[in-house]
Structure formats: structure tokens, C-alpha cells
Amino acid sequence: MGEIEELSEEELHGLDIGVRCGVAAILDILEARFNGSVA
């Protein structure tokens, strides 16, 4: 539990943004593949 408490608000915010960007990138790739297979 100590490791979690050492994270600052900035690090948690950066981690949240990183996760959101990663998910958005994956969704973009899946959408591109779906559109490509339909065309």
C-alpha cells in the first residue's frame, strides 16, 4: 500500500491521461480495421 500513497496527484493525473490515450488509440485501430474490412 505504501507505493500507492507515494504517488502524487500529478502522477495519478498523468497516469489517467495515459490510460485514456491508450484506450482511444486502440479504439481508433479497431474502427479502422472494421471500416477497412467493410469497404
PDB file of N, CA and C in Angstrom:
ATOM      1  N   MET A   1       0.830  -1.195   0.000  1.00  0.00           N
ATOM      2  CA  MET A   1       0.000   0.000   0.000  1.00  0.00           C
ATOM      3  C   MET A   1       0.873   1.258   0.000  1.00  0.00           C
ATOM      4  N   GLY A   2       2.096   1.166   0.513  1.00  0.00           N
ATOM      5  CA  GLY A   2       2.957   2.329   0.598  1.00  0.00           C
ATOM      6  C   GLY A   2       3.269   2.911  -0.777  1.00  0.00           C
ATOM      7  N   GLU A   3       3.420   2.042  -1.781  1.00  0.00           N
ATOM      8  CA  GLU A   3       3.752   2.528  -3.118  1.00  0.00           C
ATOM      9  C   GLU A   3       2.650   3.425  -3.668  1.00  0.00           C
ATOM     10  N   ILE A   4       1.413   3.055  -3.418  1.00  0.00           N
ATOM     11  CA  ILE A   4       0.285   3.845  -3.922  1.00  0.00           C
ATOM     12  C   ILE A   4       0.268   5.221  -3.260  1.00  0.00           C
ATOM     13  N   GLU A   5       0.527   5.259  -1.957  1.00  0.00           N
ATOM     14  CA  GLU A   5       0.496   6.528  -1.226  1.00  0.00           C
ATOM     15  C   GLU A   5       1.595   7.477  -1.693  1.00  0.00           C
ATOM     16  N   GLU A   6       2.677   6.932  -2.267  1.00  0.00           N
ATOM     17  CA  GLU A   6       3.789   7.775  -2.702  1.00  0.00           C
ATOM     18  C   GLU A   6       3.477   8.497  -4.014  1.00  0.00           C
ATOM     19  N   LEU A   7       2.462   8.044  -4.730  1.00  0.00           N
ATOM     20  CA  LEU A   7       2.100   8.704  -5.979  1.00  0.00           C
ATOM     21  C   LEU A   7       1.500  10.072  -5.692  1.00  0.00           C
ATOM     22  N   SER A   8       1.974  11.062  -6.416  1.00  0.00           N
ATOM     23  CA  SER A   8       1.442  12.415  -6.223  1.00  0.00           C
ATOM     24  C   SER A   8       0.207  12.602  -7.101  1.00  0.00           C
ATOM     25  N   GLU A   9      -0.506  13.695  -6.865  1.00  0.00           N
ATOM     26  CA  GLU A   9      -1.704  13.973  -7.668  1.00  0.00           C
ATOM     27  C   GLU A   9      -1.332  14.111  -9.144  1.00  0.00           C
ATOM     28  N   GLU A  10      -0.173  14.724  -9.414  1.00  0.00           N
ATOM     29  CA  GLU A  10       0.262  14.907 -10.802  1.00  0.00           C
ATOM     30  C   GLU A  10       0.506  13.566 -11.476  1.00  0.00           C
ATOM     31  N   GLU A  11       1.138  12.643 -10.752  1.00  0.00           N
ATOM     32  CA  GLU A  11       1.422  11.329 -11.326  1.00  0.00           C
ATOM     33  C   GLU A  11       0.135  10.565 -11.597  1.00  0.00           C
ATOM     34  N   LEU A  12      -0.816  10.664 -10.665  1.00  0.00           N
ATOM     35  CA  LEU A  12      -2.093   9.983 -10.869  1.00  0.00           C
ATOM     36  C   LEU A  12      -2.820  10.585 -12.064  1.00  0.00           C
ATOM     37  N   HIS A  13      -2.774  11.902 -12.204  1.00  0.00           N
ATOM     38  CA  HIS A  13      -3.436  12.580 -13.322  1.00  0.00           C
ATOM     39  C   HIS A  13      -2.780  12.165 -14.639  1.00  0.00           C
ATOM     40  N   GLY A  14      -1.446  12.106 -14.649  1.00  0.00           N
ATOM     41  CA  GLY A  14      -0.724  11.703 -15.852  1.00  0.00           C
ATOM     42  C   GLY A  14      -1.036  10.262 -16.216  1.00  0.00           C
ATOM     43  N   LEU A  15      -1.155   9.409 -15.206  1.00  0.00           N
ATOM     44  CA  LEU A  15      -1.472   8.006 -15.445  1.00  0.00           C
ATOM     45  C   LEU A  15      -2.859   7.882 -16.050  1.00  0.00           C
ATOM     46  N   ASP A  16      -3.805   8.667 -15.531  1.00  0.00           N
ATOM     47  CA  ASP A  16      -5.177   8.643 -16.035  1.00  0.00           C
ATOM     48  C   ASP A  16      -5.211   9.068 -17.497  1.00  0.00           C
ATOM     49  N   ILE A  17      -4.464  10.122 -17.832  1.00  0.00           N
ATOM     50  CA  ILE A  17      -4.417  10.604 -19.217  1.00  0.00           C
ATOM     51  C   ILE A  17      -3.784   9.538 -20.115  1.00  0.00           C
ATOM     52  N   GLY A  18      -2.735   8.883 -19.621  1.00  0.00           N
ATOM     53  CA  GLY A  18      -2.072   7.848 -20.408  1.00  0.00           C
ATOM     54  C   GLY A  18      -3.006   6.697 -20.723  1.00  0.00           C
ATOM     55  N   VAL A  19      -3.803   6.296 -19.735  1.00  0.00           N
ATOM     56  CA  VAL A  19      -4.750   5.197 -19.934  1.00  0.00           C
ATOM     57  C   VAL A  19      -5.816   5.605 -20.953  1.00  0.00           C
ATOM     58  N   ARG A  20      -6.320   6.826 -20.820  1.00  0.00           N
ATOM     59  CA  ARG A  20      -7.355   7.308 -21.746  1.00  0.00           C
ATOM     60  C   ARG A  20      -6.814   7.358 -23.169  1.00  0.00           C
ATOM     61  N   CYS A  21      -5.575   7.836 -23.335  1.00  0.00           N
ATOM     62  CA  CYS A  21      -4.978   7.925 -24.670  1.00  0.00           C
ATOM     63  C   CYS A  21      -4.773   6.529 -25.251  1.00  0.00           C
ATOM     64  N   GLY A  22      -4.355   5.588 -24.399  1.00  0.00           N
ATOM     65  CA  GLY A  22      -4.145   4.219 -24.858  1.00  0.00           C
ATOM     66  C   GLY A  22      -5.441   3.592 -25.331  1.00  0.00           C
ATOM     67  N   VAL A  23      -6.509   3.787 -24.568  1.00  0.00           N
ATOM     68  CA  VAL A  23      -7.813   3.229 -24.942  1.00  0.00           C
ATOM     69  C   VAL A  23      -8.301   3.870 -26.237  1.00  0.00           C
ATOM     70  N   ALA A  24      -8.127   5.178 -26.368  1.00  0.00           N
ATOM     71  CA  ALA A  24      -8.564   5.885 -27.572  1.00  0.00           C
ATOM     72  C   ALA A  24      -7.806   5.364 -28.796  1.00  0.00           C
ATOM     73  N   ALA A  25      -6.509   5.108 -28.639  1.00  0.00           N
ATOM     74  CA  ALA A  25      -5.705   4.613 -29.752  1.00  0.00           C
ATOM     75  C   ALA A  25      -6.170   3.226 -30.181  1.00  0.00           C
ATOM     76  N   ILE A  26      -6.465   2.362 -29.205  1.00  0.00           N
ATOM     77  CA  ILE A  26      -6.938   1.008 -29.510  1.00  0.00           C
ATOM     78  C   ILE A  26      -8.276   1.072 -30.237  1.00  0.00           C
ATOM     79  N   LEU A  27      -9.177   1.937 -29.766  1.00  0.00           N
ATOM     80  CA  LEU A  27     -10.485   2.067 -30.411  1.00  0.00           C
ATOM     81  C   LEU A  27     -10.325   2.573 -31.840  1.00  0.00           C
ATOM     82  N   ASP A  28      -9.398   3.495 -32.066  1.00  0.00           N
ATOM     83  CA  ASP A  28      -9.166   4.019 -33.415  1.00  0.00           C
ATOM     84  C   ASP A  28      -8.680   2.900 -34.336  1.00  0.00           C
ATOM     85  N   ILE A  29      -7.782   2.051 -33.838  1.00  0.00           N
ATOM     86  CA  ILE A  29      -7.252   0.947 -34.642  1.00  0.00           C
ATOM     87  C   ILE A  29      -8.364  -0.036 -34.990  1.00  0.00           C
ATOM     88  N   LEU A  30      -9.182  -0.387 -33.989  1.00  0.00           N
ATOM     89  CA  LEU A  30     -10.274  -1.327 -34.235  1.00  0.00           C
ATOM     90  C   LEU A  30     -11.268  -0.745 -35.229  1.00  0.00           C
ATOM     91  N   GLU A  31     -11.568   0.537 -35.110  1.00  0.00           N
ATOM     92  CA  GLU A  31     -12.516   1.182 -36.023  1.00  0.00           C
ATOM     93  C   GLU A  31     -11.957   1.189 -37.442  1.00  0.00           C
ATOM     94  N   ALA A  32     -10.662   1.461 -37.574  1.00  0.00           N
ATOM     95  CA  ALA A  32     -10.033   1.495 -38.893  1.00  0.00           C
ATOM     96  C   ALA A  32     -10.070   0.108 -39.533  1.00  0.00           C
ATOM     97  N   ARG A  33      -9.825  -0.931 -38.753  1.00  0.00           N
ATOM     98  CA  ARG A  33      -9.864  -2.298 -39.280  1.00  0.00           C
ATOM     99  C   ARG A  33     -11.282  -2.657 -39.703  1.00  0.00           C
ATOM    100  N   PHE A  34     -12.261  -2.261 -38.887  1.00  0.00           N
ATOM    101  CA  PHE A  34     -13.663  -2.563 -39.190  1.00  0.00           C
ATOM    102  C   PHE A  34     -14.083  -1.865 -40.479  1.00  0.00           C
ATOM    103  N   ASN A  35     -13.748  -0.588 -40.604  1.00  0.00           N
ATOM    104  CA  ASN A  35     -14.106   0.174 -41.802  1.00  0.00           C
ATOM    105  C   ASN A  35     -13.384  -0.380 -43.027  1.00  0.00           C
ATOM    106  N   GLY A  36     -12.142  -0.803 -42.833  1.00  0.00           N
ATOM    107  CA  GLY A  36     -11.370  -1.336 -43.949  1.00  0.00           C
ATOM    108  C   GLY A  36     -11.942  -2.650 -44.464  1.00  0.00           C
ATOM    109  N   SER A  37     -12.449  -3.493 -43.557  1.00  0.00           N
ATOM    110  CA  SER A  37     -12.987  -4.791 -43.966  1.00  0.00           C
ATOM    111  C   SER A  37     -14.352  -4.636 -44.618  1.00  0.00           C
ATOM    112  N   VAL A  38     -15.072  -3.567 -44.264  1.00  0.00           N
ATOM    113  CA  VAL A  38     -16.406  -3.341 -44.827  1.00  0.00           C
ATOM    114  C   VAL A  38     -16.297  -2.751 -46.226  1.00  0.00           C
ATOM    115  N   ALA A  39     -15.343  -1.832 -46.423  1.00  0.00           N
ATOM    116  CA  ALA A  39     -15.222  -1.143 -47.705  1.00  0.00           C
ATOM    117  C   ALA A  39     -14.947  -2.129 -48.830  1.00  0.00           C
TER     118      ALA A  39
END
